[in-house]
N, C-alpha and C. Protein backbone atom coordinates (compact mmCIF):
# COMPACT_ATOMS: atom_id res chain seq x y z
N MET A 1 17.25 8.14 -2.17
CA MET A 1 17.34 8.62 -0.82
C MET A 1 16.06 9.12 -0.99
N LEU A 2 15.01 9.35 0.01
CA LEU A 2 13.40 9.76 -0.17
C LEU A 2 12.99 11.62 0.18
N LEU A 3 12.30 11.71 -0.74
CA LEU A 3 12.93 13.42 -1.09
C LEU A 3 10.99 12.83 -0.91
N PRO A 4 10.48 14.74 -0.15
CA PRO A 4 9.42 14.68 0.83
C PRO A 4 8.19 15.81 -0.94
N VAL A 5 8.62 14.44 -1.84
CA VAL A 5 7.37 14.94 -3.15
C VAL A 5 6.67 13.89 -2.94
N VAL A 6 4.51 14.06 -3.21
CA VAL A 6 4.23 13.02 -2.66
C VAL A 6 3.42 12.76 -4.55
N LEU A 7 3.84 11.57 -4.90
CA LEU A 7 3.69 11.73 -6.52
C LEU A 7 2.26 11.16 -6.32
N ALA A 8 1.18 9.75 -5.42
CA ALA A 8 0.34 9.57 -5.69
C ALA A 8 -0.49 9.35 -4.40
N ALA A 9 -1.62 9.47 -4.49
CA ALA A 9 -1.93 9.65 -3.10
C ALA A 9 -3.25 9.03 -3.01
N ARG A 10 -4.48 8.56 -2.51
CA ARG A 10 -5.57 8.64 -2.19
C ARG A 10 -5.93 6.73 -1.18
N PHE A 11 -6.67 7.40 -1.30
CA PHE A 11 -8.17 5.77 -0.41
C PHE A 11 -8.49 4.71 -1.52
N GLN A 12 -8.32 3.89 -0.49
CA GLN A 12 -7.59 2.16 -1.08
C GLN A 12 -8.88 1.29 -1.08
N GLU A 13 -9.93 1.81 -0.27
CA GLU A 13 -10.84 0.93 -0.18
C GLU A 13 -11.18 0.52 -0.78
N SER A 14 -11.53 1.56 -2.39
CA SER A 14 -12.23 0.92 -3.89
C SER A 14 -11.73 -0.33 -4.05
N ALA A 15 -9.93 -0.22 -3.45
CA ALA A 15 -9.16 -1.36 -5.28
C ALA A 15 -9.64 -2.46 -4.46
N LEU A 16 -10.94 -2.23 -3.53
CA LEU A 16 -10.55 -4.18 -3.01
C LEU A 16 -12.14 -4.77 -3.50
N LEU A 17 -12.08 -5.63 -4.62
CA LEU A 17 -13.34 -6.56 -4.86
C LEU A 17 -12.93 -7.08 -4.87
N CYS A 18 -14.74 -7.69 -5.03
CA CYS A 18 -15.45 -9.59 -4.85
C CYS A 18 -16.25 -9.64 -5.81
N ARG A 19 -16.46 -10.77 -6.03
CA ARG A 19 -18.13 -11.46 -7.12
C ARG A 19 -18.75 -10.29 -6.49
N ALA A 20 -19.65 -10.01 -7.38
CA ALA A 20 -21.14 -9.64 -6.64
C ALA A 20 -22.24 -10.77 -6.70
N ASP A 21 -21.63 -11.38 -7.46
CA ASP A 21 -22.26 -12.65 -6.31
C ASP A 21 -22.62 -14.27 -5.28
N GLY A 22 -21.20 -12.86 -4.72
CA GLY A 22 -20.06 -14.60 -3.72
C GLY A 22 -20.63 -14.03 -1.86
N PRO A 23 -20.40 -14.22 -1.61
CA PRO A 23 -20.40 -14.56 -0.18
C PRO A 23 -20.38 -13.30 0.30
N ILE A 24 -19.41 -12.33 0.65
CA ILE A 24 -18.57 -11.05 1.32
C ILE A 24 -19.51 -10.95 0.78
N ARG A 25 -19.77 -10.15 2.31
CA ARG A 25 -20.60 -8.81 1.94
C ARG A 25 -20.23 -7.85 3.04
N GLY A 26 -18.49 -7.89 3.75
CA GLY A 26 -17.96 -6.92 4.00
C GLY A 26 -16.48 -7.13 4.21
N PRO A 27 -16.16 -6.14 4.83
CA PRO A 27 -14.10 -6.72 5.53
C PRO A 27 -14.29 -8.01 6.53
N ALA A 28 -14.75 -8.07 7.64
CA ALA A 28 -14.40 -9.01 8.30
C ALA A 28 -15.28 -10.32 8.13
N ASP A 29 -16.00 -10.58 6.68
CA ASP A 29 -16.15 -11.57 5.17
C ASP A 29 -14.63 -12.38 4.81
N LEU A 30 -13.44 -11.75 5.53
CA LEU A 30 -12.45 -11.48 4.69
C LEU A 30 -11.38 -13.13 5.76
N ALA A 31 -11.96 -13.53 6.68
CA ALA A 31 -11.07 -14.20 7.52
C ALA A 31 -11.13 -15.58 6.87
N GLY A 32 -10.18 -15.73 6.32
CA GLY A 32 -9.54 -17.28 6.44
C GLY A 32 -9.77 -17.55 4.52
N ARG A 33 -10.67 -16.16 3.74
CA ARG A 33 -10.04 -16.45 2.51
C ARG A 33 -8.94 -16.06 1.57
N ARG A 34 -8.71 -15.97 0.49
CA ARG A 34 -8.48 -16.03 -0.69
C ARG A 34 -7.92 -14.91 -1.38
N ILE A 35 -6.62 -14.14 -0.57
CA ILE A 35 -7.05 -12.79 -1.88
C ILE A 35 -6.09 -12.33 -2.26
N GLY A 36 -6.36 -12.18 -3.43
CA GLY A 36 -5.16 -12.46 -4.43
C GLY A 36 -4.32 -10.80 -4.84
N VAL A 37 -3.33 -10.40 -4.24
CA VAL A 37 -2.60 -8.79 -4.42
C VAL A 37 -1.38 -9.40 -6.57
N ARG A 38 -1.34 -7.95 -6.69
CA ARG A 38 -0.16 -8.53 -7.74
C ARG A 38 1.11 -8.36 -7.03
N ALA A 39 1.70 -7.78 -6.19
CA ALA A 39 2.95 -7.67 -5.32
C ALA A 39 2.43 -8.46 -3.86
N TYR A 40 3.19 -9.45 -2.36
CA TYR A 40 2.81 -8.64 -1.51
C TYR A 40 3.50 -7.74 -0.87
N SER A 41 3.93 -6.68 -1.68
CA SER A 41 4.83 -5.81 -1.25
C SER A 41 4.02 -4.19 -1.96
N GLN A 42 2.45 -4.26 -2.43
CA GLN A 42 2.48 -3.90 -3.06
C GLN A 42 1.73 -1.91 -1.99
N THR A 43 1.39 -1.45 -2.40
CA THR A 43 1.10 -0.10 -0.99
C THR A 43 0.07 -0.05 -0.38
N THR A 44 -0.77 -0.40 -2.00
CA THR A 44 -1.77 -0.41 -1.97
C THR A 44 -2.53 -1.57 -0.75
N GLY A 45 -1.71 -3.26 -1.17
CA GLY A 45 -1.69 -4.10 -0.34
C GLY A 45 -1.42 -3.52 1.49
N MET A 46 -0.61 -2.92 1.26
CA MET A 46 -0.09 -2.37 2.81
C MET A 46 -1.19 -2.08 3.67
N TRP A 47 -1.41 -0.58 2.71
CA TRP A 47 -2.34 0.07 3.02
C TRP A 47 -3.63 -0.39 4.20
N LEU A 48 -4.35 -1.56 2.39
CA LEU A 48 -5.59 -2.21 2.49
C LEU A 48 -5.41 -3.21 4.24
N ARG A 49 -4.02 -3.68 4.32
CA ARG A 49 -4.02 -4.95 5.39
C ARG A 49 -4.10 -3.90 6.76
N GLY A 50 -3.63 -3.20 6.49
CA GLY A 50 -3.20 -1.92 8.12
C GLY A 50 -4.92 -1.33 8.04
N THR A 51 -5.34 -1.36 7.52
CA THR A 51 -7.13 -1.01 7.38
C THR A 51 -7.97 -2.53 8.80
N LEU A 52 -7.58 -3.78 7.78
CA LEU A 52 -7.74 -4.62 8.00
C LEU A 52 -7.94 -5.18 9.36
N ALA A 53 -6.35 -5.01 9.82
CA ALA A 53 -5.78 -4.98 10.92
C ALA A 53 -6.89 -4.67 12.21
N ASP A 54 -6.64 -2.85 11.64
CA ASP A 54 -7.02 -1.97 12.72
C ASP A 54 -7.86 -2.13 12.93
N ARG A 55 -9.79 -1.89 11.91
CA ARG A 55 -10.74 -1.49 12.03
C ARG A 55 -11.41 -3.18 12.66
N PHE A 56 -10.94 -4.50 12.08
CA PHE A 56 -11.34 -4.85 12.17
C PHE A 56 -11.11 -6.80 12.48
N ALA A 57 -9.89 -6.47 13.53
CA ALA A 57 -9.18 -7.32 14.02
C ALA A 57 -8.37 -8.49 13.27
N LEU A 58 -8.78 -8.15 12.07
CA LEU A 58 -8.32 -9.02 11.03
C LEU A 58 -6.83 -9.04 10.85
N ARG A 59 -5.72 -9.60 11.57
CA ARG A 59 -4.83 -10.25 10.59
C ARG A 59 -4.21 -10.09 10.08
N PRO A 60 -2.67 -10.16 9.41
CA PRO A 60 -2.60 -10.30 7.81
C PRO A 60 -2.36 -11.87 7.68
N GLU A 61 -1.99 -12.70 8.23
CA GLU A 61 -2.09 -14.19 8.74
C GLU A 61 -3.55 -15.01 9.06
N ALA A 62 -4.60 -13.81 9.09
CA ALA A 62 -6.31 -14.40 9.46
C ALA A 62 -6.76 -14.46 7.83
N MET A 63 -5.68 -14.20 6.52
CA MET A 63 -6.75 -14.54 5.47
C MET A 63 -5.19 -14.99 4.65
N ARG A 64 -5.15 -16.18 3.66
CA ARG A 64 -4.68 -16.35 2.73
C ARG A 64 -4.54 -15.79 1.23
N TRP A 65 -3.10 -14.91 1.62
CA TRP A 65 -2.74 -13.93 -0.01
C TRP A 65 -1.95 -14.89 -0.54
N THR A 66 -2.46 -14.39 -2.05
CA THR A 66 -2.04 -15.21 -2.95
C THR A 66 -0.98 -14.29 -4.46
N THR A 67 -0.38 -14.12 -4.73
CA THR A 67 0.57 -13.33 -4.90
C THR A 67 1.19 -13.65 -6.20
N PHE A 68 1.11 -12.02 -7.65
CA PHE A 68 2.17 -13.08 -8.93
C PHE A 68 2.91 -12.54 -9.49
N GLU A 69 4.00 -11.54 -8.47
CA GLU A 69 5.03 -10.81 -8.78
C GLU A 69 5.89 -10.47 -8.00
N ASP A 70 7.26 -10.28 -7.50
CA ASP A 70 8.00 -11.18 -6.70
C ASP A 70 7.83 -8.95 -6.34
N ALA A 71 8.61 -8.43 -4.81
CA ALA A 71 8.37 -7.21 -4.58
C ALA A 71 9.61 -6.40 -5.39
N HIS A 72 9.94 -5.48 -5.40
CA HIS A 72 11.11 -4.77 -6.68
C HIS A 72 12.31 -4.64 -5.41
N VAL A 73 12.49 -5.66 -4.18
CA VAL A 73 13.14 -5.12 -3.81
C VAL A 73 13.97 -6.61 -3.85
N PRO A 74 14.65 -6.74 -4.41
CA PRO A 74 15.41 -8.38 -4.86
C PRO A 74 14.97 -9.24 -3.48
N GLU A 75 15.95 -9.04 -2.86
CA GLU A 75 16.40 -9.77 -0.89
C GLU A 75 15.14 -9.71 -0.69
N TYR A 76 14.08 -9.46 -0.55
CA TYR A 76 12.36 -9.89 0.27
C TYR A 76 12.20 -11.13 -0.56
N ARG A 77 10.99 -12.34 0.81
CA ARG A 77 10.87 -12.81 0.72
C ARG A 77 9.19 -13.30 0.97
N ASP A 78 8.42 -13.82 0.11
CA ASP A 78 6.67 -12.94 1.09
C ASP A 78 7.06 -14.02 2.10
N PRO A 79 6.30 -13.44 3.12
CA PRO A 79 5.69 -14.42 4.23
C PRO A 79 5.59 -16.06 4.62
N PRO A 80 5.28 -16.28 5.20
CA PRO A 80 4.37 -17.90 4.70
C PRO A 80 3.01 -17.82 4.42
N TRP A 81 2.39 -16.49 5.22
CA TRP A 81 0.99 -16.69 4.90
C TRP A 81 0.32 -16.24 3.32
N ALA A 82 1.74 -15.72 2.52
CA ALA A 82 1.28 -15.76 1.54
C ALA A 82 1.92 -16.90 0.76
N GLU A 83 1.11 -17.43 -0.66
CA GLU A 83 1.41 -18.66 -1.60
C GLU A 83 1.47 -17.67 -2.93
N ARG A 84 2.65 -17.59 -3.51
CA ARG A 84 2.45 -17.54 -4.74
C ARG A 84 2.07 -18.38 -5.94
N VAL A 85 1.62 -17.82 -7.06
CA VAL A 85 0.83 -18.45 -8.22
C VAL A 85 1.75 -19.16 -9.73
N PRO A 86 1.39 -20.29 -10.08
CA PRO A 86 2.57 -20.21 -11.45
C PRO A 86 2.16 -19.14 -12.46
N PRO A 87 3.30 -18.85 -12.71
CA PRO A 87 3.64 -18.26 -13.97
C PRO A 87 2.32 -18.37 -15.35
N GLY A 88 2.27 -16.80 -15.31
CA GLY A 88 0.60 -16.81 -16.26
C GLY A 88 -0.25 -16.34 -15.72
N SER A 89 0.02 -16.86 -14.36
CA SER A 89 -1.52 -16.39 -14.02
C SER A 89 -2.24 -15.15 -14.14
N ASP A 90 -3.99 -14.93 -14.50
CA ASP A 90 -4.40 -13.75 -14.50
C ASP A 90 -5.45 -13.21 -12.79
N MET A 91 -5.10 -12.54 -12.25
CA MET A 91 -5.12 -12.39 -11.14
C MET A 91 -7.12 -12.35 -11.63
N LEU A 92 -7.27 -11.89 -12.59
CA LEU A 92 -8.90 -11.14 -12.52
C LEU A 92 -9.90 -12.15 -12.95
N ALA A 93 -9.43 -13.20 -14.05
CA ALA A 93 -9.53 -14.33 -13.94
C ALA A 93 -9.46 -15.37 -12.86
N MET A 94 -8.57 -15.56 -12.56
CA MET A 94 -9.08 -16.03 -10.87
C MET A 94 -10.14 -15.88 -10.54
N LEU A 95 -9.65 -14.40 -10.21
CA LEU A 95 -11.23 -13.74 -9.46
C LEU A 95 -12.45 -14.08 -9.99
N ARG A 96 -12.87 -14.08 -10.54
CA ARG A 96 -13.78 -14.26 -12.30
C ARG A 96 -14.43 -15.49 -11.72
N ASP A 97 -13.10 -16.51 -11.55
CA ASP A 97 -14.00 -18.07 -11.75
C ASP A 97 -13.76 -18.83 -10.62
N GLY A 98 -13.25 -17.81 -9.40
CA GLY A 98 -13.69 -17.90 -8.24
C GLY A 98 -12.76 -18.77 -6.99
N ARG A 99 -11.24 -19.05 -8.35
CA ARG A 99 -10.38 -19.14 -6.96
C ARG A 99 -9.33 -17.82 -6.72
N LEU A 100 -10.41 -16.72 -6.65
CA LEU A 100 -10.04 -15.79 -5.69
C LEU A 100 -10.91 -15.57 -5.04
N ASP A 101 -11.15 -14.94 -3.90
CA ASP A 101 -12.48 -14.58 -2.81
C ASP A 101 -12.39 -13.33 -2.80
N ALA A 102 -11.35 -12.81 -3.29
CA ALA A 102 -11.39 -10.58 -3.05
C ALA A 102 -10.50 -10.91 -3.90
N ALA A 103 -9.71 -9.37 -4.69
CA ALA A 103 -8.34 -8.99 -5.02
C ALA A 103 -7.69 -7.65 -5.25
N ILE A 104 -7.38 -7.21 -4.84
CA ILE A 104 -6.79 -5.87 -4.97
C ILE A 104 -5.70 -5.58 -5.93
N PHE A 105 -6.99 -4.10 -6.43
CA PHE A 105 -6.07 -3.60 -7.31
C PHE A 105 -5.75 -2.87 -7.13
N GLY A 106 -5.29 -1.96 -8.72
CA GLY A 106 -4.10 -0.59 -8.44
C GLY A 106 -5.21 0.36 -8.72
N ASN A 107 -4.51 1.47 -8.90
CA ASN A 107 -5.55 2.67 -8.99
C ASN A 107 -6.67 2.09 -10.57
N ASP A 108 -6.52 1.42 -11.71
CA ASP A 108 -7.46 1.29 -12.83
C ASP A 108 -7.86 -0.01 -12.31
N THR A 109 -9.00 0.30 -11.22
CA THR A 109 -10.15 -1.05 -11.36
C THR A 109 -10.59 -2.19 -12.36
N PRO A 110 -11.06 -2.56 -12.30
CA PRO A 110 -11.55 -3.34 -13.54
C PRO A 110 -12.96 -3.27 -13.67
N ALA A 111 -13.22 -3.06 -14.59
CA ALA A 111 -15.33 -2.59 -14.50
C ALA A 111 -16.07 -3.95 -14.90
N GLY A 112 -17.27 -4.03 -13.93
CA GLY A 112 -18.91 -4.87 -14.45
C GLY A 112 -18.90 -5.57 -13.89
N ASP A 113 -19.94 -5.85 -14.23
CA ASP A 113 -21.46 -5.41 -12.87
C ASP A 113 -21.65 -7.30 -12.20
N ASP A 114 -19.89 -8.22 -12.94
CA ASP A 114 -19.54 -9.21 -11.78
C ASP A 114 -18.79 -9.10 -10.86
N LEU A 115 -18.31 -7.36 -10.27
CA LEU A 115 -17.48 -7.24 -9.29
C LEU A 115 -18.32 -6.10 -8.39
N ARG A 116 -17.93 -6.01 -7.53
CA ARG A 116 -18.21 -5.17 -6.52
C ARG A 116 -17.23 -5.23 -5.67
N ALA A 117 -17.53 -4.31 -5.01
CA ALA A 117 -15.77 -3.67 -3.79
C ALA A 117 -16.57 -3.79 -2.50
N VAL A 118 -15.57 -4.67 -1.78
CA VAL A 118 -15.19 -5.30 -0.18
C VAL A 118 -16.44 -4.45 0.61
N PHE A 119 -15.71 -2.88 0.49
CA PHE A 119 -16.62 -2.43 1.35
C PHE A 119 -17.33 -1.89 0.33
N PRO A 120 -19.06 -1.96 1.35
CA PRO A 120 -20.01 -1.66 1.39
C PRO A 120 -20.14 0.09 0.88
N ASP A 121 -19.64 0.74 1.74
CA ASP A 121 -19.17 2.29 1.05
C ASP A 121 -18.09 2.42 0.40
N PRO A 122 -16.84 2.07 -0.16
CA PRO A 122 -15.48 2.46 -0.15
C PRO A 122 -15.65 4.24 0.21
N ALA A 123 -16.29 5.53 -0.22
CA ALA A 123 -16.22 6.55 -0.01
C ALA A 123 -16.57 6.91 1.26
N ALA A 124 -16.99 6.44 1.98
CA ALA A 124 -17.82 6.90 3.51
C ALA A 124 -16.04 5.66 4.42
N ALA A 125 -15.35 4.43 3.82
CA ALA A 125 -14.72 4.08 4.01
C ALA A 125 -13.26 5.14 4.22
N GLY A 126 -12.88 6.16 3.60
CA GLY A 126 -11.79 6.83 3.64
C GLY A 126 -11.97 7.36 3.68
N GLU A 127 -13.09 7.82 3.76
CA GLU A 127 -13.12 9.42 5.17
C GLU A 127 -13.33 8.36 6.01
N ALA A 128 -13.62 8.24 6.62
CA ALA A 128 -13.62 6.39 8.33
C ALA A 128 -12.67 7.31 8.57
N PHE A 129 -11.49 6.70 7.91
CA PHE A 129 -9.50 5.98 7.53
C PHE A 129 -8.95 7.57 8.04
N ARG A 130 -9.48 9.30 6.98
CA ARG A 130 -9.32 10.24 7.95
C ARG A 130 -8.90 10.69 8.70
N ALA A 131 -10.81 10.42 9.44
CA ALA A 131 -10.69 10.82 10.38
C ALA A 131 -10.77 10.20 11.60
N ALA A 132 -9.57 8.71 11.16
CA ALA A 132 -8.69 8.09 12.45
C ALA A 132 -7.50 8.41 12.01
N HIS A 133 -6.76 8.92 11.11
CA HIS A 133 -5.35 8.96 10.95
C HIS A 133 -5.12 10.86 11.12
N GLY A 134 -6.18 11.20 9.78
CA GLY A 134 -5.84 13.01 9.93
C GLY A 134 -5.05 12.62 8.25
N PHE A 135 -4.78 11.94 7.62
CA PHE A 135 -4.48 11.94 6.16
C PHE A 135 -5.48 11.36 4.97
N THR A 136 -4.51 11.80 3.91
CA THR A 136 -4.65 10.59 3.15
C THR A 136 -4.20 10.03 2.94
N PRO A 137 -3.62 8.65 2.33
CA PRO A 137 -2.59 7.55 2.30
C PRO A 137 -1.97 7.03 1.00
N VAL A 138 -0.87 7.76 1.07
CA VAL A 138 0.39 8.08 0.49
C VAL A 138 1.00 7.05 -0.83
N ASN A 139 1.24 6.83 -1.81
CA ASN A 139 1.09 5.39 -2.35
C ASN A 139 2.46 5.55 -3.34
N HIS A 140 2.71 7.10 -3.97
CA HIS A 140 4.31 6.82 -4.41
C HIS A 140 4.81 8.19 -4.01
N LEU A 141 6.07 8.27 -3.02
CA LEU A 141 7.23 9.06 -3.43
C LEU A 141 8.12 9.09 -3.74
N LEU A 142 9.18 10.33 -3.82
CA LEU A 142 9.98 10.68 -4.39
C LEU A 142 11.14 10.29 -4.08
N VAL A 143 11.93 9.70 -5.11
CA VAL A 143 13.27 8.82 -4.45
C VAL A 143 14.64 9.55 -5.11
N ALA A 144 15.41 9.64 -5.35
CA ALA A 144 16.77 10.13 -6.24
C ALA A 144 18.28 9.18 -5.64
N GLN A 145 18.84 8.18 -5.91
CA GLN A 145 20.04 8.38 -5.86
C GLN A 145 21.18 9.00 -4.93
N ARG A 146 21.15 8.14 -4.14
CA ARG A 146 22.03 8.71 -2.81
C ARG A 146 23.23 9.51 -3.12
N ALA A 147 23.72 8.29 -3.33
CA ALA A 147 25.29 8.84 -4.72
C ALA A 147 25.51 9.84 -4.64
N LEU A 148 24.20 9.82 -6.00
CA LEU A 148 24.49 11.61 -6.79
C LEU A 148 24.27 13.26 -6.01
N LEU A 149 23.21 12.65 -4.62
CA LEU A 149 22.70 13.99 -3.74
C LEU A 149 24.54 14.36 -2.88
N GLU A 150 24.70 13.39 -2.56
CA GLU A 150 25.75 13.10 -2.02
C GLU A 150 26.82 14.27 -2.44
N GLU A 151 26.85 14.03 -3.55
CA GLU A 151 27.85 14.14 -4.60
C GLU A 151 27.91 15.92 -5.30
N ALA A 152 26.11 15.66 -4.64
CA ALA A 152 25.86 17.29 -5.16
C ALA A 152 24.82 17.93 -4.84
N PRO A 153 25.06 18.63 -3.38
CA PRO A 153 23.93 18.00 -2.20
C PRO A 153 22.84 19.07 -2.36
N GLU A 154 23.29 20.56 -3.34
CA GLU A 154 22.09 21.67 -4.41
C GLU A 154 21.37 20.65 -5.20
N LEU A 155 21.64 19.62 -5.75
CA LEU A 155 20.16 19.51 -6.59
C LEU A 155 18.80 18.59 -5.84
N ALA A 156 19.50 18.39 -4.46
CA ALA A 156 17.97 17.47 -3.56
C ALA A 156 16.68 19.14 -3.27
N PRO A 157 16.77 20.22 -3.34
CA PRO A 157 15.87 21.14 -3.43
C PRO A 157 15.47 21.59 -4.16
N LYS A 158 16.10 21.69 -5.54
CA LYS A 158 16.18 21.84 -6.68
C LYS A 158 14.94 20.86 -7.64
N LEU A 159 15.26 19.70 -7.21
CA LEU A 159 14.35 18.60 -7.04
C LEU A 159 12.66 18.47 -6.69
N VAL A 160 12.70 19.03 -5.72
CA VAL A 160 11.51 19.07 -4.79
C VAL A 160 11.17 20.49 -5.69
N ARG A 161 11.25 21.27 -6.33
CA ARG A 161 10.63 22.87 -6.43
C ARG A 161 10.27 22.33 -7.74
N LEU A 162 10.61 21.13 -8.61
CA LEU A 162 10.51 20.79 -9.24
C LEU A 162 8.71 20.49 -9.25
N PHE A 163 8.28 19.62 -8.63
CA PHE A 163 6.74 20.27 -7.72
C PHE A 163 6.30 20.24 -7.17
N PRO A 164 6.32 22.02 -7.19
CA PRO A 164 5.75 22.63 -6.03
C PRO A 164 3.91 22.08 -6.18
N ALA A 165 3.39 21.66 -6.86
CA ALA A 165 1.99 20.83 -6.13
C ALA A 165 1.98 19.86 -4.87
N THR A 166 3.04 18.91 -5.36
CA THR A 166 3.11 17.93 -4.64
C THR A 166 3.95 17.72 -3.36
N ALA A 167 5.31 18.58 -3.65
CA ALA A 167 5.66 18.68 -2.27
C ALA A 167 5.19 19.07 -1.01
N ALA A 168 5.83 18.61 0.24
CA ALA A 168 5.60 18.66 0.91
C ALA A 168 6.78 18.72 2.02
N ASP A 169 6.32 18.82 3.53
CA ASP A 169 7.82 19.01 4.12
C ASP A 169 8.19 18.03 5.34
N ARG A 170 8.33 17.05 5.99
CA ARG A 170 8.66 16.07 6.28
C ARG A 170 7.70 16.37 7.69
N ALA A 171 7.87 16.52 8.49
CA ALA A 171 6.79 17.37 9.41
C ALA A 171 5.93 16.78 9.07
N ALA A 172 4.90 17.18 8.04
CA ALA A 172 3.73 17.01 7.34
C ALA A 172 3.15 15.50 7.24
N LEU A 173 4.76 14.83 6.48
CA LEU A 173 4.25 13.70 5.83
C LEU A 173 4.67 12.85 7.30
N GLY A 174 5.50 12.95 8.03
CA GLY A 174 4.87 12.53 9.54
C GLY A 174 3.89 10.82 10.07
N PRO A 175 2.83 11.57 10.05
CA PRO A 175 2.40 10.81 9.89
C PRO A 175 1.67 9.54 9.63
N ALA A 176 1.98 10.07 7.87
CA ALA A 176 1.59 8.62 7.25
C ALA A 176 3.10 8.41 6.93
N LEU A 177 4.17 8.42 7.13
CA LEU A 177 5.19 7.80 7.28
C LEU A 177 5.23 6.79 8.56
N ALA A 178 4.94 7.36 10.11
CA ALA A 178 5.04 6.64 10.95
C ALA A 178 3.95 5.54 11.07
N LEU A 179 2.55 5.77 10.21
CA LEU A 179 1.57 4.25 10.29
C LEU A 179 1.72 3.71 9.01
N ALA A 180 2.38 4.09 8.01
CA ALA A 180 2.88 3.09 7.02
C ALA A 180 4.42 1.93 8.04
N VAL A 181 5.08 2.30 8.50
CA VAL A 181 6.20 2.09 9.19
C VAL A 181 6.05 0.61 9.93
N ARG A 182 5.05 0.62 10.69
CA ARG A 182 4.37 -0.10 12.29
C ARG A 182 3.62 -0.41 10.62
N TYR A 183 3.08 -0.56 9.68
CA TYR A 183 2.52 -1.93 9.43
C TYR A 183 3.18 -2.27 8.81
N CYS A 184 3.87 -2.13 8.39
CA CYS A 184 4.91 -2.90 7.16
C CYS A 184 5.83 -3.74 8.16
N VAL A 185 6.27 -3.38 9.32
CA VAL A 185 6.59 -4.21 9.80
C VAL A 185 5.56 -5.46 11.08
N GLU A 186 3.77 -5.16 11.17
CA GLU A 186 3.26 -5.70 11.66
C GLU A 186 2.95 -6.99 10.20
N GLN A 187 2.99 -6.65 8.96
CA GLN A 187 2.90 -7.51 8.00
C GLN A 187 4.45 -8.11 7.21
N GLY A 188 5.11 -7.73 8.22
CA GLY A 188 6.34 -8.75 7.43
C GLY A 188 7.11 -8.07 6.39
N LEU A 189 6.99 -6.85 6.17
CA LEU A 189 7.87 -6.14 5.37
C LEU A 189 8.37 -5.76 5.63
N LEU A 190 9.12 -5.17 7.01
CA LEU A 190 10.00 -4.41 7.60
C LEU A 190 10.91 -5.19 8.52
N PRO A 191 11.65 -6.29 8.75
CA PRO A 191 12.17 -6.17 9.75
C PRO A 191 12.12 -6.05 11.53
N ARG A 192 11.94 -4.90 11.24
CA ARG A 192 12.08 -3.78 12.64
C ARG A 192 11.48 -2.35 11.98
N PRO A 193 11.33 -1.85 13.29
CA PRO A 193 9.88 -0.44 13.02
C PRO A 193 12.06 0.70 12.89
N LEU A 194 11.63 2.11 11.97
CA LEU A 194 12.00 2.86 11.56
C LEU A 194 12.49 4.24 11.83
N ALA A 195 12.73 4.72 12.05
CA ALA A 195 13.03 5.97 13.13
C ALA A 195 12.71 7.33 11.85
N ALA A 196 12.34 8.27 12.34
CA ALA A 196 12.21 9.63 11.69
C ALA A 196 13.51 9.73 10.84
N GLU A 197 14.64 9.75 12.17
CA GLU A 197 15.84 9.99 11.31
C GLU A 197 16.95 9.72 10.92
N GLU A 198 16.15 7.65 10.78
CA GLU A 198 16.16 7.06 9.94
C GLU A 198 15.65 7.30 8.06
N ILE A 199 14.40 7.71 8.01
CA ILE A 199 13.71 7.28 6.74
C ILE A 199 14.06 8.56 5.78
N TRP A 200 14.57 9.71 6.69
CA TRP A 200 15.58 11.11 5.79
C TRP A 200 16.76 11.20 6.70
N ALA A 201 17.59 9.95 6.11
CA ALA A 201 19.26 10.04 6.67
C ALA A 201 19.15 10.60 5.13
N GLY A 202 20.30 11.69 5.47
CA GLY A 202 20.85 12.04 4.47
C GLY A 202 20.37 13.12 3.50
N LEU A 203 19.49 13.48 3.76
CA LEU A 203 18.57 14.32 2.77
C LEU A 203 19.27 16.09 3.69
N PRO A 204 19.84 16.66 2.59
CA PRO A 204 19.81 18.05 3.19
C PRO A 204 18.94 18.64 4.23
N ALA A 205 19.92 19.13 5.00
CA ALA A 205 18.47 20.64 5.36
C ALA A 205 18.06 21.60 4.83
N THR A 206 18.37 21.88 3.95
CA THR A 206 17.89 23.07 3.19
C THR A 206 16.84 22.04 1.92
N VAL A 207 16.11 20.91 2.38
CA VAL A 207 15.26 21.26 1.78
C VAL A 207 13.99 20.40 3.56
N ALA A 208 13.18 20.98 2.90
CA ALA A 208 11.85 21.04 3.81
C ALA A 208 12.05 19.86 4.77
C-alpha cells in the first residue's frame, strides 16, 4: 500500500550520459540510438523517456533500449523496443567502448572526462521540467504491506509520522503521480491509466 512519504526526489537530466567524443550533441540526437538502462522499469528511465517524448517528440520506440536486468515485478516483460544483453554485461563499459550511444545511470553517475551529459545544461533542463509541471520528479515513495495495515490501520499514520521531513499529502503528490501514470502507460509500463483513488486504495482517511 502506498504511503504519502517521498524517500527520494531529484531532477533526472544529469543521469543521461554519452561519450564526450561522440556524435550526440543533445537529446534530439538520440533518435535511432542505442540507450542503456539498468532496467526498463527504472524510475529515472521512466522520467527521462517522458521528457524525451514531451519536449523532443521522441517516443520510446524511436530509440533502441538496452536493459541489463528484470523489473522488480516478476510478471512484467520489457516492450518490443527493448533488448536484454547477455548476463554479465557491463553498461558503463559498453558506453565507453561504443556499443551504447548513451546510458541512464542512477543517483551516482560515473566520473571521467570521457563522459558528459546528453543535456548540454542538465540544471537548466531540470528547471524547465519544474516550470512545465510544477514539481521535482519523485523516485521513491514509502510502501507497506496491505495486509499489515488492514489488520492494524493505526500503523499507517504512525509510519508517516516517522518521516516528518519528507511526508507529504495526497493532494500535493497528485500532479507527480498523475504524470508518472501517463508516462508509464505511454511507455508500456502500465496496461491502463490508474485513477487517484486506485493509487491510494486502502489508505486510511486519517493519513493526509
